[in-house]
Amino acid sequence: MKTLYLIPARGGSKGIPGKNIKDLCGKPLIYYTIDVVREIAEDIDICVSTDSDEIISVVESYGLKVPFKRPAELASDSSGSYGFLLHALDYYEKLGVNYDNILLLQPTSPFRKRNHLEEIMLLFDNSIDMVVSVSKSHHNPYFTLFEENSEGFLCRSKIGSFESRQTAPPVFAYNGSLYLINCESLKRTPLNDFERIRKYIMDDLYSIDIDEPLDWAICETVLREGYLK
């Protein structure tokens, strides 16, 4: 099965300006993702999709050729994943290179390891749309998640007759680290409409996703204090 390892890296970031190439304990954030992918894949199958000349320069200075520059209309704050995924797939198909699946790896998840990439691959087959990495949620819709009703009062997001959170069904949250996508499914429908999805569970430590400055500070602490083995 042939896999395209796709690393999306927009130039714009409001929470942490320039975060994809910001130095995290000695190297640009995006290098953490490039490094782990290079443990299992050849550079020819690794694609950084970016709209930024600066990111292209930083990536290529690391010896990884960026095959194209992402169009601006696919890199705005309101742009979803579907557009740039299809754009990358179309680029390679026009070159006569056909992939069976895409492993999408966001640079904002720097702590994934080689074994995570290898293990998620084992869960994939052509009968499903996607395997996605998740972490066990500490919040449960039967107990700790609420929605506001039409009268402005809070009510539980999901109703069930469970005595405790421990007896309720386990709940999982996408952690943003790994999305292993069936290319044929992607051509038919956007990710949000996928129905045949398998989970791949990752521990909380490896599931840290950088979105705000606090997340960045947590990652710095994890690295400096040696929490990663």
Protein backbone atom coordinates (compact mmCIF):
# COMPACT_ATOMS: atom_id res chain seq x y z
CA MET A 1 0.00 0.00 0.00
CA LYS A 2 1.50 3.34 -1.07
CA THR A 3 1.27 6.22 1.41
CA LEU A 4 1.71 9.97 0.96
CA TYR A 5 2.95 11.60 4.17
CA LEU A 6 1.39 15.06 4.09
CA ILE A 7 2.48 17.82 6.49
CA PRO A 8 0.23 20.93 6.29
CA ALA A 9 1.90 24.17 7.37
CA ARG A 10 0.12 27.46 6.74
CA GLY A 11 2.12 30.64 7.11
CA GLY A 12 -0.58 32.46 9.07
CA SER A 13 -1.15 31.77 12.78
CA LYS A 14 -3.01 34.14 15.10
CA GLY A 15 -2.48 32.31 18.40
CA ILE A 16 1.30 31.92 18.00
CA PRO A 17 2.68 33.91 15.06
CA GLY A 18 4.93 31.81 12.82
CA LYS A 19 4.49 28.79 15.08
CA ASN A 20 5.21 26.11 12.45
CA ILE A 21 8.83 27.28 12.19
CA LYS A 22 9.20 28.82 15.65
CA ASP A 23 12.12 27.36 17.64
CA LEU A 24 11.02 24.75 20.16
CA CYS A 25 13.91 23.78 22.43
CA GLY A 26 16.55 23.97 19.72
CA LYS A 27 14.80 23.36 16.40
CA PRO A 28 11.84 24.62 14.37
CA LEU A 29 8.55 23.02 15.35
CA ILE A 30 7.99 21.48 11.91
CA TYR A 31 11.30 19.59 12.15
CA TYR A 32 9.86 17.33 14.88
CA THR A 33 7.29 16.03 12.42
CA ILE A 34 9.74 15.76 9.52
CA ASP A 35 12.16 13.82 11.73
CA VAL A 36 9.64 11.17 12.79
CA VAL A 37 8.29 10.69 9.27
CA ARG A 38 11.81 10.23 7.92
CA GLU A 39 12.20 7.26 10.26
CA ILE A 40 9.73 5.26 8.17
CA ALA A 41 9.48 7.00 4.78
CA GLU A 42 11.63 8.25 1.92
CA ASP A 43 11.70 11.98 1.24
CA ILE A 44 10.03 11.48 -2.14
CA ASP A 45 6.83 10.43 -0.33
CA ILE A 46 6.90 13.32 2.17
CA CYS A 47 5.03 16.47 1.16
CA VAL A 48 4.97 19.76 3.06
CA SER A 49 1.95 21.74 1.84
CA THR A 50 2.43 25.43 2.58
CA ASP A 51 1.61 28.87 1.24
CA SER A 52 4.65 30.45 2.89
CA ASP A 53 7.97 31.17 1.19
CA GLU A 54 9.61 31.35 4.62
CA ILE A 55 8.38 27.89 5.56
CA ILE A 56 9.53 26.55 2.21
CA SER A 57 13.00 27.99 2.86
CA VAL A 58 13.21 26.51 6.38
CA VAL A 59 12.05 23.07 5.20
CA GLU A 60 14.36 22.96 2.18
CA SER A 61 17.31 24.05 4.32
CA TYR A 62 16.65 20.77 6.20
CA GLY A 63 17.15 18.88 2.95
CA LEU A 64 13.48 18.20 2.18
CA LYS A 65 12.26 19.48 -1.18
CA VAL A 66 8.87 21.22 -1.08
CA PRO A 67 7.13 20.09 -4.30
CA PHE A 68 4.75 23.03 -4.72
CA LYS A 69 3.43 26.18 -3.08
CA ARG A 70 -0.14 25.90 -1.84
CA PRO A 71 -2.56 28.37 -3.50
CA ALA A 72 -3.61 31.24 -1.24
CA GLU A 73 -7.30 30.32 -1.50
CA LEU A 74 -6.51 26.99 0.17
CA ALA A 75 -4.58 28.58 3.04
CA SER A 76 -6.95 31.09 4.64
CA ASP A 77 -8.31 30.90 8.19
CA SER A 78 -11.62 29.65 6.82
CA SER A 79 -10.11 27.01 4.51
CA GLY A 80 -10.74 23.45 5.62
CA SER A 81 -8.55 20.40 5.11
CA TYR A 82 -10.50 19.04 2.16
CA GLY A 83 -9.18 21.54 -0.37
CA PHE A 84 -5.47 21.18 0.32
CA LEU A 85 -5.74 17.39 0.60
CA LEU A 86 -7.30 17.13 -2.85
CA HIS A 87 -4.81 19.67 -4.19
CA ALA A 88 -1.85 17.55 -3.06
CA LEU A 89 -3.41 14.33 -4.35
CA ASP A 90 -4.14 15.93 -7.72
CA TYR A 91 -0.55 17.24 -7.99
CA TYR A 92 0.91 13.75 -7.67
CA GLU A 93 -1.68 12.08 -9.88
CA LYS A 94 -0.80 14.51 -12.68
CA LEU A 95 2.79 13.28 -12.31
CA GLY A 96 1.58 9.70 -12.64
CA VAL A 97 2.07 8.94 -8.94
CA ASN A 98 -0.93 7.29 -7.30
CA TYR A 99 -1.27 6.86 -3.55
CA ASP A 100 -3.60 4.49 -1.72
CA ASN A 101 -3.77 6.59 1.42
CA ILE A 102 -2.60 9.85 2.95
CA LEU A 103 -1.15 10.10 6.43
CA LEU A 104 -1.86 13.67 7.50
CA LEU A 105 0.51 14.88 10.23
CA GLN A 106 0.03 18.37 11.65
CA PRO A 107 3.27 20.04 12.82
CA THR A 108 1.48 21.20 15.97
CA SER A 109 1.72 17.66 17.41
CA PRO A 110 5.48 17.37 18.02
CA PHE A 111 5.57 14.37 20.35
CA ARG A 112 4.36 11.53 18.15
CA LYS A 113 6.83 8.64 17.79
CA ARG A 114 7.74 6.13 15.11
CA ASN A 115 5.67 3.41 16.77
CA HIS A 116 2.56 5.59 16.53
CA LEU A 117 2.97 5.86 12.76
CA GLU A 118 3.61 2.14 12.40
CA GLU A 119 0.71 1.11 14.63
CA ILE A 120 -1.90 3.30 12.95
CA MET A 121 -0.90 1.75 9.60
CA LEU A 122 -1.78 -1.70 10.93
CA LEU A 123 -5.39 -0.60 11.53
CA PHE A 124 -5.99 0.52 7.96
CA ASP A 125 -7.60 -1.39 5.12
CA ASN A 126 -9.48 -0.41 1.98
CA SER A 127 -12.89 -1.11 3.54
CA ILE A 128 -12.75 2.01 5.75
CA ASP A 129 -12.55 5.76 5.17
CA MET A 130 -10.03 6.72 7.82
CA VAL A 131 -8.10 5.76 10.92
CA VAL A 132 -7.72 8.72 13.28
CA SER A 133 -5.63 9.21 16.41
CA VAL A 134 -7.58 9.95 19.58
CA SER A 135 -7.04 10.31 23.28
CA LYS A 136 -9.42 9.20 26.00
CA SER A 137 -11.56 12.18 26.90
CA HIS A 138 -11.61 13.41 30.49
CA HIS A 139 -15.03 14.90 29.81
CA ASN A 140 -18.14 12.80 29.31
CA PRO A 141 -21.37 13.98 27.64
CA TYR A 142 -23.40 11.95 30.15
CA PHE A 143 -21.87 13.76 33.14
CA THR A 144 -19.60 16.75 32.51
CA LEU A 145 -20.59 18.15 29.11
CA PHE A 146 -23.59 20.48 28.89
CA GLU A 147 -25.46 22.45 26.26
CA GLU A 148 -27.64 25.51 26.66
CA ASN A 149 -31.31 24.92 25.89
CA SER A 150 -33.77 27.39 24.33
CA GLU A 151 -34.53 28.84 27.77
CA GLY A 152 -30.87 29.54 28.50
CA PHE A 153 -30.43 26.71 31.02
CA LEU A 154 -27.73 24.06 30.93
CA CYS A 155 -28.71 20.48 30.20
CA ARG A 156 -26.55 17.41 29.73
CA SER A 157 -25.35 16.87 26.17
CA LYS A 158 -26.41 13.23 26.27
CA ILE A 159 -29.03 11.52 28.40
CA GLY A 160 -28.40 8.09 29.89
CA SER A 161 -29.17 6.11 33.02
CA PHE A 162 -25.65 5.64 34.38
CA GLU A 163 -24.81 5.78 38.08
CA SER A 164 -21.27 7.08 37.58
CA ARG A 165 -18.89 8.31 34.91
CA GLN A 166 -16.97 5.05 35.24
CA THR A 167 -20.00 3.01 34.14
CA ALA A 168 -20.80 5.24 31.14
CA PRO A 169 -19.47 4.39 27.66
CA PRO A 170 -15.87 5.55 27.09
CA VAL A 171 -15.52 8.77 25.12
CA PHE A 172 -12.70 9.69 22.74
CA ALA A 173 -11.47 13.00 21.32
CA TYR A 174 -9.54 13.58 18.11
CA ASN A 175 -6.07 14.69 19.22
CA GLY A 176 -5.05 16.22 15.88
CA SER A 177 -1.91 14.13 15.49
CA LEU A 178 -2.59 11.48 12.84
CA TYR A 179 -5.23 11.06 10.14
CA LEU A 180 -4.76 8.03 7.87
CA ILE A 181 -7.12 8.70 4.98
CA ASN A 182 -8.34 6.42 2.22
CA CYS A 183 -7.68 8.32 -1.03
CA GLU A 184 -10.71 6.82 -2.79
CA SER A 185 -12.96 7.90 0.08
CA LEU A 186 -11.45 11.37 -0.01
CA LYS A 187 -12.27 11.75 -3.69
CA ARG A 188 -15.92 10.95 -2.93
CA THR A 189 -16.58 12.95 0.20
CA PRO A 190 -15.03 15.43 2.69
CA LEU A 191 -13.49 14.14 5.92
CA ASN A 192 -16.35 15.49 8.02
CA ASP A 193 -18.76 13.22 6.16
CA PHE A 194 -16.73 10.04 6.63
CA GLU A 195 -18.70 7.26 8.33
CA ARG A 196 -16.30 4.31 8.44
CA ILE A 197 -13.72 5.60 10.93
CA ARG A 198 -11.48 3.57 13.23
CA LYS A 199 -9.74 4.99 16.28
CA TYR A 200 -6.10 4.76 17.25
CA ILE A 201 -5.60 5.62 20.93
CA MET A 202 -2.59 7.66 22.04
CA ASP A 203 -1.56 8.56 25.59
CA ASP A 204 -2.18 12.13 26.76
CA LEU A 205 1.53 13.01 26.77
CA TYR A 206 1.93 12.20 23.07
CA SER A 207 -1.40 13.84 22.24
CA ILE A 208 -0.40 17.40 23.17
CA ASP A 209 -1.45 19.76 20.37
CA ILE A 210 -0.10 23.31 20.19
CA ASP A 211 -2.79 25.91 19.61
CA GLU A 212 -2.22 28.62 22.23
CA PRO A 213 0.87 30.02 24.04
CA LEU A 214 0.05 27.88 27.09
CA ASP A 215 0.33 24.74 24.93
CA TRP A 216 3.74 25.93 23.75
CA ALA A 217 4.89 26.45 27.33
CA ILE A 218 3.70 22.94 28.24
CA CYS A 219 5.70 21.45 25.36
CA GLU A 220 8.82 23.32 26.43
CA THR A 221 8.41 21.96 29.95
CA VAL A 222 7.88 18.41 28.70
CA LEU A 223 11.09 18.56 26.67
CA ARG A 224 13.25 20.37 29.24
CA GLU A 225 12.16 18.20 32.15
CA GLY A 226 12.64 14.97 30.20
CA TYR A 227 9.09 13.66 30.41
CA LEU A 228 9.43 12.02 27.00
CA LYS A 229 11.19 8.68 27.01
